Amino acid sequence: MAGAHGGAGTSTLAALLPAVWDMGSIESLLDLDCAPLDTKGRPIVLAARNTAVAATRATAAIGVLREWDERVAALAIVSDGGPESRDATARFALLEARVGGIVRVPHVRQLRLAEAPTEVVLPGKARHAIDQLRRLVGDADGSVAVRCGEVGCR
């Protein structure tokens, strides 16, 4: 689990996805002449907010990760509570072919108020988004991740 930028919701998603390592934001690592992550073949979930600026940062992160032969299994677009702009939607659409799948994670106000994300009872849409992310990275038994169309994500 890595963030395309700070404040992307990486730590919250990592807490909600068992067996996931929270790598934090990789934005500051993108300009270095080395791989920002070395996953040793493990799938990456890249988190970004649902804004045009965040989509630009996600595009940069995915580009660098691909240059270093790292596979982004899922792009988690985390809602900040407001609507996704047309620019953001268009930019994220361009990334669909470059990642295993795109999952839009709805805003859950209670997650901002709780001490631990795992204490929050997630609404149905949020539970569905977390399930989609789990499917895209594969099951705990190491099975192959499925493509976006097989889990019904956008």
N, C-alpha and C. Protein backbone atom coordinates (compact mmCIF):
# COMPACT_ATOMS: atom_id res chain seq x y z
N MET A 1 0.85 -1.16 0.00
CA MET A 1 0.00 0.00 0.00
C MET A 1 0.90 1.22 0.00
N ALA A 2 0.75 2.04 -1.03
CA ALA A 2 1.55 3.25 -1.14
C ALA A 2 0.65 4.40 -1.54
N GLY A 3 1.02 5.58 -1.16
CA GLY A 3 0.27 6.77 -1.54
C GLY A 3 0.94 7.49 -2.68
N ALA A 4 0.16 7.96 -3.63
CA ALA A 4 0.71 8.76 -4.72
C ALA A 4 1.11 10.15 -4.23
N HIS A 5 0.59 10.52 -3.05
CA HIS A 5 0.86 11.83 -2.44
C HIS A 5 0.48 11.72 -0.97
N GLY A 6 0.89 12.69 -0.19
CA GLY A 6 0.52 12.71 1.22
C GLY A 6 -0.98 12.93 1.37
N GLY A 7 -1.56 12.35 2.41
CA GLY A 7 -2.98 12.52 2.68
C GLY A 7 -3.91 11.74 1.77
N ALA A 8 -3.38 10.71 1.12
CA ALA A 8 -4.17 9.93 0.16
C ALA A 8 -5.07 8.91 0.83
N GLY A 9 -4.90 8.68 2.12
CA GLY A 9 -5.69 7.66 2.80
C GLY A 9 -4.96 6.33 2.90
N THR A 10 -3.66 6.35 2.67
CA THR A 10 -2.86 5.13 2.66
C THR A 10 -2.92 4.38 3.98
N SER A 11 -2.70 5.08 5.08
CA SER A 11 -2.68 4.41 6.39
C SER A 11 -4.05 3.83 6.73
N THR A 12 -5.09 4.54 6.41
CA THR A 12 -6.44 4.04 6.69
C THR A 12 -6.72 2.79 5.89
N LEU A 13 -6.41 2.82 4.60
CA LEU A 13 -6.65 1.64 3.76
C LEU A 13 -5.79 0.46 4.20
N ALA A 14 -4.55 0.73 4.57
CA ALA A 14 -3.67 -0.35 5.03
C ALA A 14 -4.24 -1.02 6.28
N ALA A 15 -4.84 -0.23 7.16
CA ALA A 15 -5.45 -0.80 8.36
C ALA A 15 -6.67 -1.65 8.03
N LEU A 16 -7.38 -1.29 6.97
CA LEU A 16 -8.60 -2.00 6.58
C LEU A 16 -8.33 -3.22 5.70
N LEU A 17 -7.13 -3.31 5.15
CA LEU A 17 -6.76 -4.44 4.30
C LEU A 17 -5.74 -5.30 5.05
N PRO A 18 -6.15 -6.43 5.61
CA PRO A 18 -5.22 -7.26 6.38
C PRO A 18 -4.03 -7.69 5.53
N ALA A 19 -2.91 -7.86 6.19
CA ALA A 19 -1.66 -8.33 5.56
C ALA A 19 -1.11 -7.35 4.54
N VAL A 20 -1.38 -6.07 4.72
CA VAL A 20 -0.87 -5.05 3.81
C VAL A 20 0.15 -4.21 4.56
N TRP A 21 1.25 -3.88 3.89
CA TRP A 21 2.26 -3.00 4.47
C TRP A 21 1.99 -1.58 4.04
N ASP A 22 2.01 -0.67 4.98
CA ASP A 22 1.81 0.75 4.71
C ASP A 22 3.16 1.37 4.39
N MET A 23 3.38 1.69 3.12
CA MET A 23 4.64 2.28 2.69
C MET A 23 4.60 3.81 2.72
N GLY A 24 3.44 4.38 3.05
CA GLY A 24 3.32 5.83 3.09
C GLY A 24 3.34 6.43 1.70
N SER A 25 3.54 7.73 1.64
CA SER A 25 3.59 8.42 0.35
C SER A 25 4.93 8.18 -0.33
N ILE A 26 4.89 7.87 -1.62
CA ILE A 26 6.13 7.68 -2.38
C ILE A 26 6.45 8.90 -3.24
N GLU A 27 5.65 9.96 -3.11
CA GLU A 27 5.83 11.14 -3.96
C GLU A 27 7.25 11.69 -3.91
N SER A 28 7.83 11.79 -2.74
CA SER A 28 9.18 12.37 -2.62
C SER A 28 10.25 11.46 -3.20
N LEU A 29 9.94 10.20 -3.44
CA LEU A 29 10.91 9.24 -3.97
C LEU A 29 10.91 9.16 -5.49
N LEU A 30 9.95 9.80 -6.13
CA LEU A 30 9.78 9.61 -7.57
C LEU A 30 10.91 10.21 -8.40
N ASP A 31 11.56 11.25 -7.90
CA ASP A 31 12.62 11.90 -8.68
C ASP A 31 14.00 11.30 -8.45
N LEU A 32 14.12 10.35 -7.56
CA LEU A 32 15.40 9.71 -7.30
C LEU A 32 15.71 8.73 -8.42
N ASP A 33 16.96 8.42 -8.58
CA ASP A 33 17.37 7.50 -9.64
C ASP A 33 17.39 6.06 -9.13
N CYS A 34 16.32 5.68 -8.44
CA CYS A 34 16.17 4.31 -7.96
C CYS A 34 14.69 4.02 -7.82
N ALA A 35 14.36 2.77 -7.70
CA ALA A 35 12.96 2.37 -7.59
C ALA A 35 12.39 2.91 -6.28
N PRO A 36 11.21 3.56 -6.33
CA PRO A 36 10.61 4.07 -5.11
C PRO A 36 10.12 2.95 -4.18
N LEU A 37 9.89 1.77 -4.74
CA LEU A 37 9.49 0.58 -3.98
C LEU A 37 10.16 -0.63 -4.59
N ASP A 38 10.48 -1.60 -3.76
CA ASP A 38 10.96 -2.88 -4.26
C ASP A 38 10.05 -3.93 -3.64
N THR A 39 9.03 -4.32 -4.38
CA THR A 39 7.99 -5.19 -3.84
C THR A 39 8.32 -6.67 -3.95
N LYS A 40 9.39 -6.99 -4.66
CA LYS A 40 9.77 -8.38 -4.88
C LYS A 40 8.60 -9.20 -5.44
N GLY A 41 7.86 -8.56 -6.36
CA GLY A 41 6.76 -9.23 -7.04
C GLY A 41 5.40 -9.14 -6.37
N ARG A 42 5.36 -8.58 -5.16
CA ARG A 42 4.06 -8.44 -4.49
C ARG A 42 3.27 -7.31 -5.13
N PRO A 43 1.94 -7.43 -5.17
CA PRO A 43 1.11 -6.40 -5.81
C PRO A 43 1.10 -5.10 -5.01
N ILE A 44 0.94 -4.00 -5.71
CA ILE A 44 0.88 -2.68 -5.10
C ILE A 44 -0.54 -2.14 -5.22
N VAL A 45 -1.03 -1.59 -4.11
CA VAL A 45 -2.24 -0.77 -4.14
C VAL A 45 -1.74 0.66 -3.99
N LEU A 46 -2.04 1.48 -4.97
CA LEU A 46 -1.66 2.90 -4.95
C LEU A 46 -2.89 3.71 -4.61
N ALA A 47 -2.79 4.54 -3.58
CA ALA A 47 -3.92 5.37 -3.15
C ALA A 47 -3.73 6.81 -3.62
N ALA A 48 -4.84 7.43 -4.00
CA ALA A 48 -4.84 8.84 -4.39
C ALA A 48 -6.22 9.42 -4.05
N ARG A 49 -6.26 10.68 -3.74
CA ARG A 49 -7.54 11.36 -3.52
C ARG A 49 -8.24 11.51 -4.87
N ASN A 50 -9.48 11.98 -4.85
CA ASN A 50 -10.28 12.06 -6.08
C ASN A 50 -10.24 13.45 -6.71
N THR A 51 -9.08 14.08 -6.71
CA THR A 51 -8.92 15.41 -7.29
C THR A 51 -8.04 15.36 -8.54
N ALA A 52 -8.10 16.41 -9.35
CA ALA A 52 -7.28 16.46 -10.56
C ALA A 52 -5.79 16.47 -10.21
N VAL A 53 -5.41 17.20 -9.17
CA VAL A 53 -4.01 17.23 -8.74
C VAL A 53 -3.56 15.83 -8.31
N ALA A 54 -4.39 15.15 -7.56
CA ALA A 54 -4.06 13.79 -7.12
C ALA A 54 -3.95 12.85 -8.31
N ALA A 55 -4.80 13.02 -9.31
CA ALA A 55 -4.73 12.18 -10.52
C ALA A 55 -3.41 12.39 -11.24
N THR A 56 -2.94 13.62 -11.27
CA THR A 56 -1.65 13.93 -11.89
C THR A 56 -0.52 13.23 -11.13
N ARG A 57 -0.60 13.28 -9.81
CA ARG A 57 0.43 12.61 -8.99
C ARG A 57 0.37 11.10 -9.12
N ALA A 58 -0.84 10.55 -9.24
CA ALA A 58 -0.99 9.11 -9.44
C ALA A 58 -0.40 8.71 -10.80
N THR A 59 -0.60 9.54 -11.80
CA THR A 59 -0.04 9.26 -13.13
C THR A 59 1.48 9.21 -13.06
N ALA A 60 2.07 10.17 -12.36
CA ALA A 60 3.54 10.19 -12.21
C ALA A 60 4.03 8.95 -11.46
N ALA A 61 3.36 8.60 -10.37
CA ALA A 61 3.77 7.45 -9.57
C ALA A 61 3.67 6.15 -10.38
N ILE A 62 2.58 5.97 -11.09
CA ILE A 62 2.40 4.76 -11.89
C ILE A 62 3.46 4.70 -13.00
N GLY A 63 3.75 5.83 -13.60
CA GLY A 63 4.79 5.86 -14.64
C GLY A 63 6.14 5.42 -14.11
N VAL A 64 6.55 5.95 -12.96
CA VAL A 64 7.85 5.59 -12.39
C VAL A 64 7.85 4.13 -11.95
N LEU A 65 6.78 3.68 -11.32
CA LEU A 65 6.73 2.28 -10.90
C LEU A 65 6.83 1.34 -12.09
N ARG A 66 6.18 1.68 -13.18
CA ARG A 66 6.24 0.84 -14.38
C ARG A 66 7.65 0.83 -14.97
N GLU A 67 8.33 1.97 -14.92
CA GLU A 67 9.71 2.02 -15.40
C GLU A 67 10.61 1.04 -14.65
N TRP A 68 10.30 0.80 -13.39
CA TRP A 68 11.08 -0.10 -12.55
C TRP A 68 10.43 -1.49 -12.48
N ASP A 69 9.54 -1.79 -13.44
CA ASP A 69 8.90 -3.11 -13.54
C ASP A 69 8.10 -3.49 -12.30
N GLU A 70 7.51 -2.51 -11.65
CA GLU A 70 6.62 -2.77 -10.52
C GLU A 70 5.19 -2.71 -11.04
N ARG A 71 4.36 -3.64 -10.59
CA ARG A 71 2.98 -3.76 -11.06
C ARG A 71 2.02 -3.14 -10.04
N VAL A 72 1.21 -2.20 -10.51
CA VAL A 72 0.17 -1.62 -9.66
C VAL A 72 -1.09 -2.45 -9.88
N ALA A 73 -1.43 -3.25 -8.88
CA ALA A 73 -2.59 -4.13 -8.98
C ALA A 73 -3.88 -3.35 -8.88
N ALA A 74 -3.87 -2.27 -8.08
CA ALA A 74 -5.09 -1.50 -7.88
C ALA A 74 -4.76 -0.04 -7.61
N LEU A 75 -5.55 0.82 -8.20
CA LEU A 75 -5.51 2.24 -7.90
C LEU A 75 -6.75 2.53 -7.07
N ALA A 76 -6.54 2.89 -5.81
CA ALA A 76 -7.65 3.22 -4.91
C ALA A 76 -7.84 4.73 -4.93
N ILE A 77 -8.96 5.17 -5.47
CA ILE A 77 -9.28 6.59 -5.53
C ILE A 77 -10.18 6.89 -4.34
N VAL A 78 -9.61 7.59 -3.37
CA VAL A 78 -10.28 7.82 -2.09
C VAL A 78 -10.98 9.17 -2.11
N SER A 79 -12.28 9.15 -1.90
CA SER A 79 -13.06 10.38 -1.91
C SER A 79 -12.71 11.26 -0.73
N ASP A 80 -12.61 12.55 -0.98
CA ASP A 80 -12.36 13.50 0.10
C ASP A 80 -13.66 14.11 0.60
N GLY A 81 -14.79 13.55 0.16
CA GLY A 81 -16.09 14.03 0.59
C GLY A 81 -16.79 14.86 -0.46
N GLY A 82 -16.04 15.42 -1.38
CA GLY A 82 -16.63 16.21 -2.46
C GLY A 82 -16.73 15.40 -3.74
N PRO A 83 -17.40 15.95 -4.72
CA PRO A 83 -17.52 15.24 -6.00
C PRO A 83 -16.20 15.21 -6.76
N GLU A 84 -16.03 14.18 -7.55
CA GLU A 84 -14.84 14.07 -8.40
C GLU A 84 -15.04 14.98 -9.61
N SER A 85 -14.06 15.82 -9.90
CA SER A 85 -14.18 16.74 -11.03
C SER A 85 -14.07 15.99 -12.36
N ARG A 86 -14.53 16.61 -13.42
CA ARG A 86 -14.41 16.00 -14.75
C ARG A 86 -12.96 15.78 -15.12
N ASP A 87 -12.10 16.76 -14.78
CA ASP A 87 -10.67 16.61 -15.07
C ASP A 87 -10.09 15.39 -14.38
N ALA A 88 -10.44 15.22 -13.10
CA ALA A 88 -9.93 14.07 -12.35
C ALA A 88 -10.43 12.77 -12.97
N THR A 89 -11.72 12.71 -13.27
CA THR A 89 -12.30 11.50 -13.87
C THR A 89 -11.61 11.16 -15.18
N ALA A 90 -11.37 12.17 -16.01
CA ALA A 90 -10.70 11.94 -17.30
C ALA A 90 -9.27 11.45 -17.10
N ARG A 91 -8.56 12.03 -16.16
CA ARG A 91 -7.17 11.62 -15.91
C ARG A 91 -7.11 10.21 -15.35
N PHE A 92 -8.02 9.89 -14.44
CA PHE A 92 -8.04 8.53 -13.89
C PHE A 92 -8.41 7.52 -14.97
N ALA A 93 -9.30 7.88 -15.88
CA ALA A 93 -9.69 6.97 -16.96
C ALA A 93 -8.50 6.59 -17.82
N LEU A 94 -7.58 7.53 -18.01
CA LEU A 94 -6.38 7.25 -18.80
C LEU A 94 -5.46 6.23 -18.12
N LEU A 95 -5.62 6.06 -16.82
CA LEU A 95 -4.78 5.12 -16.08
C LEU A 95 -5.33 3.69 -16.06
N GLU A 96 -6.56 3.51 -16.47
CA GLU A 96 -7.20 2.19 -16.37
C GLU A 96 -6.39 1.08 -17.03
N ALA A 97 -5.81 1.36 -18.18
CA ALA A 97 -5.05 0.32 -18.90
C ALA A 97 -3.68 0.08 -18.28
N ARG A 98 -3.27 0.92 -17.34
CA ARG A 98 -1.93 0.82 -16.77
C ARG A 98 -1.92 0.18 -15.38
N VAL A 99 -3.10 -0.14 -14.86
CA VAL A 99 -3.20 -0.77 -13.54
C VAL A 99 -4.13 -1.97 -13.64
N GLY A 100 -4.09 -2.82 -12.63
CA GLY A 100 -4.95 -4.00 -12.63
C GLY A 100 -6.43 -3.65 -12.52
N GLY A 101 -6.72 -2.57 -11.81
CA GLY A 101 -8.10 -2.14 -11.65
C GLY A 101 -8.17 -0.84 -10.87
N ILE A 102 -9.26 -0.14 -11.04
CA ILE A 102 -9.49 1.10 -10.31
C ILE A 102 -10.69 0.90 -9.40
N VAL A 103 -10.52 1.29 -8.14
CA VAL A 103 -11.59 1.17 -7.15
C VAL A 103 -11.79 2.54 -6.52
N ARG A 104 -13.02 3.02 -6.56
CA ARG A 104 -13.36 4.28 -5.91
C ARG A 104 -13.84 3.98 -4.50
N VAL A 105 -13.13 4.53 -3.53
CA VAL A 105 -13.44 4.32 -2.12
C VAL A 105 -14.23 5.54 -1.64
N PRO A 106 -15.48 5.32 -1.20
CA PRO A 106 -16.30 6.46 -0.79
C PRO A 106 -15.80 7.10 0.51
N HIS A 107 -16.17 8.35 0.69
CA HIS A 107 -15.84 9.07 1.92
C HIS A 107 -16.65 8.48 3.07
N VAL A 108 -15.96 8.18 4.16
CA VAL A 108 -16.62 7.67 5.37
C VAL A 108 -16.19 8.60 6.51
N ARG A 109 -17.09 9.48 6.89
CA ARG A 109 -16.79 10.50 7.89
C ARG A 109 -16.28 9.90 9.20
N GLN A 110 -16.83 8.78 9.61
CA GLN A 110 -16.45 8.15 10.87
C GLN A 110 -14.98 7.76 10.91
N LEU A 111 -14.38 7.49 9.75
CA LEU A 111 -12.97 7.12 9.72
C LEU A 111 -12.07 8.27 10.19
N ARG A 112 -12.52 9.50 9.99
CA ARG A 112 -11.74 10.66 10.44
C ARG A 112 -11.87 10.86 11.95
N LEU A 113 -12.91 10.31 12.54
CA LEU A 113 -13.19 10.54 13.95
C LEU A 113 -12.69 9.42 14.86
N ALA A 114 -12.48 8.24 14.31
CA ALA A 114 -12.13 7.07 15.11
C ALA A 114 -10.64 7.01 15.40
N GLU A 115 -10.31 6.42 16.54
CA GLU A 115 -8.91 6.19 16.90
C GLU A 115 -8.27 5.16 15.96
N ALA A 116 -9.04 4.11 15.64
CA ALA A 116 -8.54 3.05 14.78
C ALA A 116 -9.57 2.75 13.70
N PRO A 117 -9.15 2.74 12.43
CA PRO A 117 -10.09 2.48 11.34
C PRO A 117 -10.84 1.16 11.48
N THR A 118 -10.21 0.18 12.08
CA THR A 118 -10.85 -1.13 12.21
C THR A 118 -12.02 -1.11 13.19
N GLU A 119 -12.16 -0.05 13.99
CA GLU A 119 -13.27 0.07 14.94
C GLU A 119 -14.53 0.60 14.27
N VAL A 120 -14.41 1.11 13.05
CA VAL A 120 -15.55 1.72 12.36
C VAL A 120 -16.33 0.65 11.61
N VAL A 121 -17.64 0.69 11.76
CA VAL A 121 -18.51 -0.18 10.97
C VAL A 121 -18.72 0.53 9.63
N LEU A 122 -18.14 -0.04 8.59
CA LEU A 122 -18.19 0.59 7.27
C LEU A 122 -19.55 0.43 6.62
N PRO A 123 -20.03 1.48 5.94
CA PRO A 123 -21.26 1.33 5.16
C PRO A 123 -21.02 0.37 3.99
N GLY A 124 -22.10 -0.11 3.40
CA GLY A 124 -22.03 -1.11 2.33
C GLY A 124 -21.12 -0.74 1.18
N LYS A 125 -21.19 0.50 0.69
CA LYS A 125 -20.36 0.89 -0.45
C LYS A 125 -18.87 0.85 -0.10
N ALA A 126 -18.54 1.23 1.11
CA ALA A 126 -17.14 1.19 1.54
C ALA A 126 -16.67 -0.25 1.71
N ARG A 127 -17.51 -1.11 2.29
CA ARG A 127 -17.15 -2.53 2.41
C ARG A 127 -16.94 -3.15 1.03
N HIS A 128 -17.80 -2.78 0.08
CA HIS A 128 -17.68 -3.29 -1.29
C HIS A 128 -16.35 -2.85 -1.91
N ALA A 129 -15.96 -1.59 -1.70
CA ALA A 129 -14.70 -1.08 -2.24
C ALA A 129 -13.51 -1.84 -1.64
N ILE A 130 -13.54 -2.08 -0.33
CA ILE A 130 -12.45 -2.83 0.31
C ILE A 130 -12.40 -4.25 -0.24
N ASP A 131 -13.54 -4.87 -0.45
CA ASP A 131 -13.58 -6.21 -1.04
C ASP A 131 -13.00 -6.21 -2.45
N GLN A 132 -13.30 -5.18 -3.23
CA GLN A 132 -12.75 -5.08 -4.58
C GLN A 132 -11.23 -4.99 -4.53
N LEU A 133 -10.70 -4.19 -3.61
CA LEU A 133 -9.24 -4.08 -3.47
C LEU A 133 -8.63 -5.43 -3.10
N ARG A 134 -9.27 -6.14 -2.19
CA ARG A 134 -8.77 -7.47 -1.80
C ARG A 134 -8.70 -8.40 -3.01
N ARG A 135 -9.74 -8.37 -3.82
CA ARG A 135 -9.76 -9.25 -5.01
C ARG A 135 -8.67 -8.87 -6.00
N LEU A 136 -8.43 -7.59 -6.16
CA LEU A 136 -7.42 -7.16 -7.13
C LEU A 136 -6.00 -7.52 -6.71
N VAL A 137 -5.74 -7.58 -5.43
CA VAL A 137 -4.40 -7.96 -4.99
C VAL A 137 -4.28 -9.46 -4.77
N GLY A 138 -5.36 -10.18 -4.92
CA GLY A 138 -5.34 -11.63 -4.76
C GLY A 138 -5.69 -12.00 -3.34
N ASP A 139 -6.09 -13.23 -3.17
CA ASP A 139 -6.47 -13.72 -1.85
C ASP A 139 -5.22 -13.97 -1.00
N ALA A 140 -5.43 -14.18 0.27
CA ALA A 140 -4.33 -14.44 1.20
C ALA A 140 -3.57 -15.72 0.84
N ASP A 141 -4.19 -16.63 0.10
CA ASP A 141 -3.52 -17.88 -0.25
C ASP A 141 -2.58 -17.72 -1.45
N GLY A 142 -2.44 -16.46 -1.96
CA GLY A 142 -1.50 -16.21 -3.04
C GLY A 142 -2.08 -16.43 -4.42
N SER A 143 -3.39 -16.57 -4.52
CA SER A 143 -3.98 -16.77 -5.85
C SER A 143 -3.78 -15.53 -6.71
N VAL A 144 -3.89 -15.71 -8.00
CA VAL A 144 -3.66 -14.63 -8.94
C VAL A 144 -4.75 -13.57 -8.83
N ALA A 145 -4.33 -12.31 -8.87
CA ALA A 145 -5.29 -11.20 -8.80
C ALA A 145 -6.17 -11.20 -10.05
N VAL A 146 -7.41 -10.75 -9.89
CA VAL A 146 -8.32 -10.67 -11.01
C VAL A 146 -8.30 -9.27 -11.61
N ARG A 147 -8.77 -9.15 -12.83
CA ARG A 147 -8.81 -7.86 -13.52
C ARG A 147 -10.03 -7.08 -13.09
N CYS A 148 -10.01 -5.81 -13.35
CA CYS A 148 -11.06 -4.88 -12.94
C CYS A 148 -12.45 -5.33 -13.40
N GLY A 149 -12.60 -5.75 -14.63
CA GLY A 149 -13.90 -6.12 -15.15
C GLY A 149 -14.50 -7.31 -14.42
N GLU A 150 -13.66 -8.16 -13.83
CA GLU A 150 -14.13 -9.35 -13.13
C GLU A 150 -14.67 -9.03 -11.74
N VAL A 151 -14.37 -7.85 -11.22
CA VAL A 151 -14.89 -7.50 -9.90
C VAL A 151 -15.89 -6.35 -9.97
N GLY A 152 -16.17 -5.90 -11.16
CA GLY A 152 -17.20 -4.89 -11.34
C GLY A 152 -16.81 -3.49 -10.95
N CYS A 153 -15.52 -3.17 -10.94
CA CYS A 153 -15.16 -1.80 -10.60
C CYS A 153 -15.28 -0.92 -11.85
N ARG A 154 -15.22 0.35 -11.65
CA ARG A 154 -15.48 1.30 -12.72
C ARG A 154 -14.43 1.32 -13.79
